[in-house]
Amino acid sequence: MSKAVLLVNLGSPDSPSVPDVRRYLNEFLMDGRVIDVAWPLRRLIVGWILLKRPQESAHAYQSIWTPAGSPLIVISRVVQQRLQARVSVPVALAMRYQNPSIETAVQQLAAQGTTRLHLIPLFPHYAMSSYETAVERVREVVDQRAPRITLSVEPPYGDAPDYLAALVESAASYLADEYDHLLFSFHGVPERQIRKSDLTDRHCLVVKDCCHTPSVAHRFCYRHQCFRTAEEFVRRAGVPANRWSVAFQSRLGRDPWLTPYTDQEFERLVAAGVKKLLVICPAFVSDCLETIEEIAMRGRDTFLRAGGREFIQIPCLNEHPRWIQVLVNMVERFAP
């Protein structure tokens, strides 16, 4: 029985050109777990978005693009290579959208004789638009292209002790200096997706303090899992209770998304007297457009224009040795 591991991250355009960005955005936004409305309405919404968004996003991607390519892809490949050097089973890399594709990775693994495949989504928390869509797409491709492969999936790990230890260690040098406030900025999702993932249909965003009231709904609740990561982080790192908070970034459209919104928090924190701000983005394991351009560039500008003095984005785990060890632990549990 031949085992292998597949790492899946979100993805990136093949280049920062407008046509490549349009192609990427079309695939991404037409995913029914990203814009979760009926196909005709989704096609209409995405068509409207694609009138102007590709030009704007291309400019943003151009501001972060490296000679080696998209930071997300470059970092993910380094992680794959460093993990491969530590484990005996083949480690493949794919993106949920664009390249390297899930289809190509699965077909190559099948051609190598893989019969058992362990999927590690590079998303610590469960969300329809990240973890769930990656898992379901891999399942679909395996069923269609490699039905002899048995698939297993790494569960969400936002509160796993080794993941939290890696996250705290990666931020330790930043926390060692003086700062006024630590903001956890998680990727946002529409409130309706939180409700759709509620196993009980009556807990999430309904029960008072729902994220801290025990429920089976937490198994698939992105909001609860984000708060859990932040709370465990500050407990382990010794961050004072009055010097941290949680916000959600990257909202799209007019429907209610998880609040508070990160961009508005930058201004609120300045008004509250915060001069030196640290920002960490635990929903992302690799630095990408959302952490580099949205937070470290535009976010910094917003904070400084509002009157803040110093803004520091703590890098994602990227290729940190403790993060690689977390992945090694996952592989070893699958293929001891």
Protein backbone atom coordinates (compact mmCIF):
# COMPACT_ATOMS: atom_id res chain seq x y z
CA MET A 1 0.00 0.00 0.00
CA SER A 2 1.59 3.26 -1.19
CA LYS A 3 0.94 6.41 0.87
CA ALA A 4 1.32 10.07 -0.06
CA VAL A 5 0.46 13.52 1.28
CA LEU A 6 -1.16 16.43 -0.52
CA LEU A 7 -0.84 20.01 0.74
CA VAL A 8 -3.51 22.36 -0.59
CA ASN A 9 -3.45 26.14 -0.30
CA LEU A 10 -5.82 28.71 -1.79
CA GLY A 11 -4.02 29.74 -4.96
CA SER A 12 -2.87 32.74 -6.94
CA PRO A 13 -2.99 34.09 -10.49
CA ASP A 14 -0.30 32.70 -12.80
CA SER A 15 0.96 36.26 -13.22
CA PRO A 16 -0.08 39.74 -12.08
CA SER A 17 -1.38 40.56 -15.57
CA VAL A 18 -5.02 41.59 -15.92
CA PRO A 19 -6.03 38.54 -18.03
CA ASP A 20 -4.45 36.08 -15.56
CA VAL A 21 -5.98 37.88 -12.58
CA ARG A 22 -9.40 37.86 -14.30
CA ARG A 23 -9.10 34.12 -14.94
CA TYR A 24 -8.17 33.50 -11.31
CA LEU A 25 -10.94 35.68 -9.91
CA ASN A 26 -13.51 34.05 -12.15
CA GLU A 27 -12.60 30.56 -10.93
CA PHE A 28 -12.39 31.70 -7.32
CA LEU A 29 -15.60 33.71 -7.19
CA MET A 30 -17.66 31.21 -9.19
CA ASP A 31 -17.03 28.61 -6.50
CA GLY A 32 -20.41 28.03 -4.86
CA ARG A 33 -18.75 27.86 -1.45
CA VAL A 34 -17.22 31.32 -1.89
CA ILE A 35 -20.26 33.15 -3.22
CA ASP A 36 -22.91 30.76 -1.95
CA VAL A 37 -25.95 31.76 -3.99
CA ALA A 38 -27.73 30.08 -6.91
CA TRP A 39 -25.59 29.75 -10.05
CA PRO A 40 -27.50 32.29 -12.22
CA LEU A 41 -27.27 34.95 -9.53
CA ARG A 42 -23.64 34.05 -8.82
CA ARG A 43 -22.81 34.37 -12.53
CA LEU A 44 -24.47 37.79 -12.58
CA ILE A 45 -22.64 38.96 -9.45
CA VAL A 46 -19.26 37.69 -10.64
CA GLY A 47 -19.76 39.20 -14.10
CA TRP A 48 -20.35 42.57 -12.48
CA ILE A 49 -17.30 42.18 -10.20
CA LEU A 50 -15.10 41.27 -13.16
CA LEU A 51 -15.83 44.55 -14.92
CA LYS A 52 -13.36 46.47 -12.71
CA ARG A 53 -11.92 44.13 -10.06
CA PRO A 54 -9.26 42.45 -12.28
CA GLN A 55 -7.56 45.78 -12.98
CA GLU A 56 -7.59 46.73 -9.29
CA SER A 57 -6.41 43.29 -8.14
CA ALA A 58 -3.71 43.15 -10.82
CA HIS A 59 -2.28 46.40 -9.47
CA ALA A 60 -2.33 44.92 -5.95
CA TYR A 61 -0.63 41.72 -7.09
CA GLN A 62 2.00 43.72 -8.97
CA SER A 63 2.88 45.48 -5.71
CA ILE A 64 3.77 42.17 -3.97
CA TRP A 65 5.01 40.02 -6.88
CA THR A 66 8.56 38.71 -6.53
CA PRO A 67 11.08 37.65 -9.19
CA ALA A 68 10.21 34.04 -8.26
CA GLY A 69 6.47 34.66 -8.57
CA SER A 70 3.51 34.92 -6.23
CA PRO A 71 4.58 34.94 -2.55
CA LEU A 72 1.87 32.41 -1.70
CA ILE A 73 3.08 29.94 -4.31
CA VAL A 74 6.77 30.51 -3.60
CA ILE A 75 6.35 30.04 0.15
CA SER A 76 4.10 27.00 -0.30
CA ARG A 77 6.72 25.33 -2.51
CA VAL A 78 9.44 25.94 0.07
CA VAL A 79 7.21 24.41 2.74
CA GLN A 80 6.57 21.39 0.51
CA GLN A 81 10.28 20.92 -0.10
CA ARG A 82 11.23 21.24 3.56
CA LEU A 83 8.50 18.86 4.60
CA GLN A 84 9.54 16.38 1.92
CA ALA A 85 13.08 16.45 3.27
CA ARG A 86 11.77 15.37 6.68
CA VAL A 87 9.36 12.54 5.76
CA SER A 88 9.59 9.32 3.76
CA VAL A 89 6.29 9.52 1.85
CA PRO A 90 5.80 11.65 -1.28
CA VAL A 91 4.53 15.18 -0.59
CA ALA A 92 2.64 16.96 -3.36
CA LEU A 93 1.41 20.55 -3.50
CA ALA A 94 -1.72 21.92 -5.14
CA MET A 95 -3.83 25.05 -5.11
CA ARG A 96 -7.60 25.13 -4.85
CA TYR A 97 -7.65 27.61 -7.72
CA GLN A 98 -5.31 27.78 -10.72
CA ASN A 99 -1.84 26.23 -10.58
CA PRO A 100 -0.37 23.87 -9.54
CA SER A 101 -3.78 22.28 -9.91
CA ILE A 102 -5.41 19.62 -7.76
CA GLU A 103 -6.18 17.58 -10.89
CA THR A 104 -2.52 17.44 -11.93
CA ALA A 105 -1.30 16.58 -8.42
CA VAL A 106 -3.83 13.75 -7.96
CA GLN A 107 -3.14 12.27 -11.39
CA GLN A 108 0.61 12.34 -10.81
CA LEU A 109 0.25 10.66 -7.42
CA ALA A 110 -2.04 8.01 -8.91
CA ALA A 111 0.48 7.35 -11.70
CA GLN A 112 3.15 6.82 -9.02
CA GLY A 113 1.02 4.08 -7.48
CA THR A 114 -0.49 5.99 -4.55
CA THR A 115 -3.34 4.09 -2.93
CA ARG A 116 -3.71 6.09 0.29
CA LEU A 117 -3.64 9.88 0.23
CA HIS A 118 -3.72 12.22 3.22
CA LEU A 119 -4.92 15.74 2.50
CA ILE A 120 -3.57 18.57 4.65
CA PRO A 121 -5.53 21.76 3.93
CA LEU A 122 -3.29 24.73 4.64
CA PHE A 123 -6.17 26.40 6.49
CA PRO A 124 -6.13 26.02 10.29
CA HIS A 125 -9.86 26.78 10.68
CA TYR A 126 -13.01 25.36 9.16
CA ALA A 127 -14.73 27.68 6.69
CA MET A 128 -16.88 26.95 3.67
CA SER A 129 -14.80 29.23 1.47
CA SER A 130 -11.38 27.79 2.38
CA TYR A 131 -11.09 24.49 4.24
CA GLU A 132 -14.38 22.98 3.05
CA THR A 133 -14.03 23.90 -0.61
CA ALA A 134 -10.47 22.50 -0.72
CA VAL A 135 -11.54 19.22 0.86
CA GLU A 136 -14.59 18.77 -1.35
CA ARG A 137 -12.67 19.59 -4.53
CA VAL A 138 -9.97 17.03 -3.71
CA ARG A 139 -12.64 14.43 -2.97
CA GLU A 140 -14.33 15.17 -6.26
CA VAL A 141 -11.10 14.87 -8.25
CA VAL A 142 -10.07 11.65 -6.49
CA ASP A 143 -13.48 10.11 -7.16
CA GLN A 144 -13.35 11.09 -10.83
CA ARG A 145 -9.67 10.68 -11.71
CA ALA A 146 -8.22 8.23 -9.17
CA PRO A 147 -11.01 6.12 -7.63
CA ARG A 148 -8.51 3.53 -6.34
CA ILE A 149 -7.06 6.08 -3.94
CA THR A 150 -8.41 6.12 -0.38
CA LEU A 151 -8.52 9.69 0.90
CA SER A 152 -8.15 10.87 4.50
CA VAL A 153 -8.26 14.49 5.66
CA GLU A 154 -6.44 16.37 8.41
CA PRO A 155 -9.08 18.00 10.63
CA PRO A 156 -8.95 21.75 11.42
CA TYR A 157 -6.02 22.43 13.74
CA GLY A 158 -6.44 26.02 14.93
CA ASP A 159 -6.40 24.86 18.56
CA ALA A 160 -3.84 22.05 18.21
CA PRO A 161 -1.06 22.44 20.81
CA ASP A 162 1.80 22.09 18.33
CA TYR A 163 0.24 24.58 15.90
CA LEU A 164 -0.32 27.09 18.71
CA ALA A 165 3.24 26.58 19.97
CA ALA A 166 4.56 27.29 16.46
CA LEU A 167 2.40 30.40 16.14
CA VAL A 168 3.54 31.77 19.50
CA GLU A 169 7.21 31.05 18.77
CA SER A 170 6.97 32.74 15.37
CA ALA A 171 5.67 35.90 17.05
CA ALA A 172 7.89 35.81 20.16
CA SER A 173 10.48 38.35 19.01
CA TYR A 174 7.76 40.88 18.14
CA LEU A 175 5.98 40.42 21.45
CA ALA A 176 9.27 40.84 23.32
CA ASP A 177 9.43 44.52 22.34
CA GLU A 178 7.14 47.20 23.74
CA TYR A 179 3.80 47.54 21.99
CA ASP A 180 0.38 49.00 22.81
CA HIS A 181 -1.95 46.43 21.27
CA LEU A 182 -2.01 43.10 19.41
CA LEU A 183 -4.75 42.75 16.78
CA PHE A 184 -5.68 39.31 15.46
CA SER A 185 -6.96 39.83 11.92
CA PHE A 186 -8.71 36.77 10.53
CA HIS A 187 -10.10 36.49 7.02
CA GLY A 188 -13.77 37.42 7.10
CA VAL A 189 -16.74 35.38 5.89
CA PRO A 190 -20.40 36.33 5.43
CA GLU A 191 -22.55 35.75 8.49
CA ARG A 192 -24.85 33.53 6.41
CA GLN A 193 -22.00 31.04 5.93
CA ILE A 194 -21.58 30.77 9.69
CA ARG A 195 -25.30 29.97 9.97
CA LYS A 196 -25.15 27.46 7.11
CA SER A 197 -22.36 25.55 8.84
CA ASP A 198 -24.31 25.34 12.12
CA LEU A 199 -25.13 21.67 12.74
CA THR A 200 -27.96 22.65 15.07
CA ASP A 201 -29.47 25.47 12.95
CA ARG A 202 -30.09 27.40 16.15
CA HIS A 203 -26.79 28.21 17.84
CA CYS A 204 -24.33 30.25 15.77
CA LEU A 205 -25.05 34.00 15.86
CA VAL A 206 -28.33 33.18 17.64
CA VAL A 207 -27.37 32.16 21.18
CA LYS A 208 -25.91 34.94 23.29
CA ASP A 209 -22.10 34.65 23.36
CA CYS A 210 -22.49 31.67 21.03
CA CYS A 211 -18.76 31.14 20.47
CA HIS A 212 -18.18 30.62 24.19
CA THR A 213 -21.31 28.58 24.89
CA PRO A 214 -20.54 24.86 24.41
CA SER A 215 -22.20 23.37 21.33
CA VAL A 216 -21.61 20.71 18.67
CA ALA A 217 -21.96 23.62 16.23
CA HIS A 218 -18.39 24.62 17.06
CA ARG A 219 -17.08 21.68 15.03
CA PHE A 220 -17.75 23.64 11.84
CA CYS A 221 -17.89 27.18 13.22
CA TYR A 222 -15.16 29.36 11.76
CA ARG A 223 -15.86 32.23 14.14
CA HIS A 224 -15.60 30.02 17.25
CA GLN A 225 -12.37 28.46 15.98
CA CYS A 226 -10.84 31.89 15.29
CA PHE A 227 -11.62 33.09 18.81
CA ARG A 228 -10.26 29.82 20.18
CA THR A 229 -6.93 30.36 18.38
CA ALA A 230 -6.64 33.95 19.61
CA GLU A 231 -7.55 33.10 23.20
CA GLU A 232 -5.14 30.17 23.37
CA PHE A 233 -2.39 32.26 21.77
CA VAL A 234 -2.63 35.08 24.31
CA ARG A 235 -2.81 32.60 27.18
CA ARG A 236 0.37 30.89 26.03
CA ALA A 237 2.16 34.11 25.12
CA GLY A 238 1.15 35.98 28.25
CA VAL A 239 -0.51 38.88 26.43
CA PRO A 240 -2.43 41.08 28.92
CA ALA A 241 -6.22 40.87 28.62
CA ASN A 242 -6.60 44.56 27.79
CA ARG A 243 -3.99 44.60 25.02
CA TRP A 244 -5.46 42.37 22.33
CA SER A 245 -8.58 42.03 20.21
CA VAL A 246 -9.97 40.17 17.18
CA ALA A 247 -11.15 41.55 13.83
CA PHE A 248 -12.02 40.22 10.38
CA GLN A 249 -10.67 41.44 7.04
CA SER A 250 -11.30 41.13 3.29
CA ARG A 251 -15.08 41.54 3.16
CA LEU A 252 -16.76 41.54 -0.26
CA GLY A 253 -20.19 42.91 -1.17
CA ARG A 254 -22.91 44.45 0.96
CA ASP A 255 -24.15 41.47 2.97
CA PRO A 256 -23.23 41.38 6.68
CA TRP A 257 -19.82 39.81 7.31
CA LEU A 258 -18.20 38.93 10.60
CA THR A 259 -17.39 42.00 12.64
CA PRO A 260 -15.54 44.04 13.72
CA TYR A 261 -13.95 44.87 10.38
CA THR A 262 -10.17 45.11 10.45
CA ASP A 263 -9.87 48.35 8.46
CA GLN A 264 -12.30 50.08 10.81
CA GLU A 265 -10.47 48.68 13.84
CA PHE A 266 -7.26 50.40 12.77
CA GLU A 267 -8.95 53.78 13.12
CA ARG A 268 -10.80 52.83 16.31
CA LEU A 269 -7.62 51.65 18.01
CA VAL A 270 -5.84 54.91 17.20
CA ALA A 271 -8.78 56.82 18.67
CA ALA A 272 -8.47 54.64 21.78
CA GLY A 273 -4.85 55.72 22.22
CA VAL A 274 -2.95 52.91 20.49
CA LYS A 275 0.28 54.23 18.98
CA LYS A 276 2.25 51.02 18.33
CA LEU A 277 0.18 48.21 16.85
CA LEU A 278 1.10 44.60 16.16
CA VAL A 279 -1.09 42.67 13.71
CA ILE A 280 -1.07 38.89 13.31
CA CYS A 281 -3.11 36.95 10.73
CA PRO A 282 -3.50 33.34 11.95
CA ALA A 283 -6.04 32.30 9.30
CA PHE A 284 -3.17 32.36 6.80
CA VAL A 285 -0.16 30.05 7.12
CA SER A 286 1.63 31.74 4.19
CA ASP A 287 2.01 35.44 3.50
CA CYS A 288 -0.06 36.45 0.51
CA LEU A 289 -2.02 39.33 -1.02
CA GLU A 290 -4.28 39.56 2.04
CA THR A 291 -1.44 39.84 4.53
CA ILE A 292 1.17 41.75 2.53
CA GLU A 293 -0.88 44.19 0.45
CA GLU A 294 -4.09 44.45 2.45
CA ILE A 295 -2.57 44.51 5.94
CA ALA A 296 1.14 45.39 5.79
CA MET A 297 0.67 48.03 3.08
CA ARG A 298 -2.87 49.43 2.98
CA GLY A 299 -3.53 48.65 6.63
CA ARG A 300 -0.37 50.42 7.70
CA ASP A 301 -1.33 53.47 5.65
CA THR A 302 -4.78 53.57 7.28
CA PHE A 303 -3.32 53.28 10.78
CA LEU A 304 -0.64 55.92 10.25
CA ARG A 305 -2.99 58.37 8.55
CA ALA A 306 -5.34 58.03 11.51
CA GLY A 307 -2.51 59.11 13.83
CA GLY A 308 -0.80 55.87 14.79
CA ARG A 309 2.99 55.92 15.03
CA GLU A 310 4.22 52.39 14.43
CA PHE A 311 2.54 49.46 12.66
CA ILE A 312 4.05 45.98 12.50
CA GLN A 313 2.57 42.99 10.72
CA ILE A 314 3.88 39.78 12.26
CA PRO A 315 4.72 37.45 9.34
CA CYS A 316 2.72 34.27 8.82
CA LEU A 317 4.23 30.94 9.78
CA ASN A 318 5.65 30.62 6.25
CA GLU A 319 8.62 28.20 6.44
CA HIS A 320 9.24 28.57 10.19
CA PRO A 321 10.90 25.39 11.53
CA ARG A 322 8.21 24.86 14.17
CA TRP A 323 5.52 25.01 11.48
CA ILE A 324 7.38 22.45 9.40
CA GLN A 325 7.47 20.26 12.51
CA VAL A 326 3.70 20.61 12.87
CA LEU A 327 3.33 19.29 9.33
CA VAL A 328 5.81 16.50 10.03
CA ASN A 329 3.68 15.49 13.01
CA MET A 330 0.60 15.32 10.78
CA VAL A 331 2.39 13.15 8.24
CA GLU A 332 3.81 10.83 10.88
CA ARG A 333 0.37 10.26 12.36
CA PHE A 334 -0.81 9.26 8.89
CA ALA A 335 2.25 7.24 7.89
CA PRO A 336 4.21 6.27 11.02
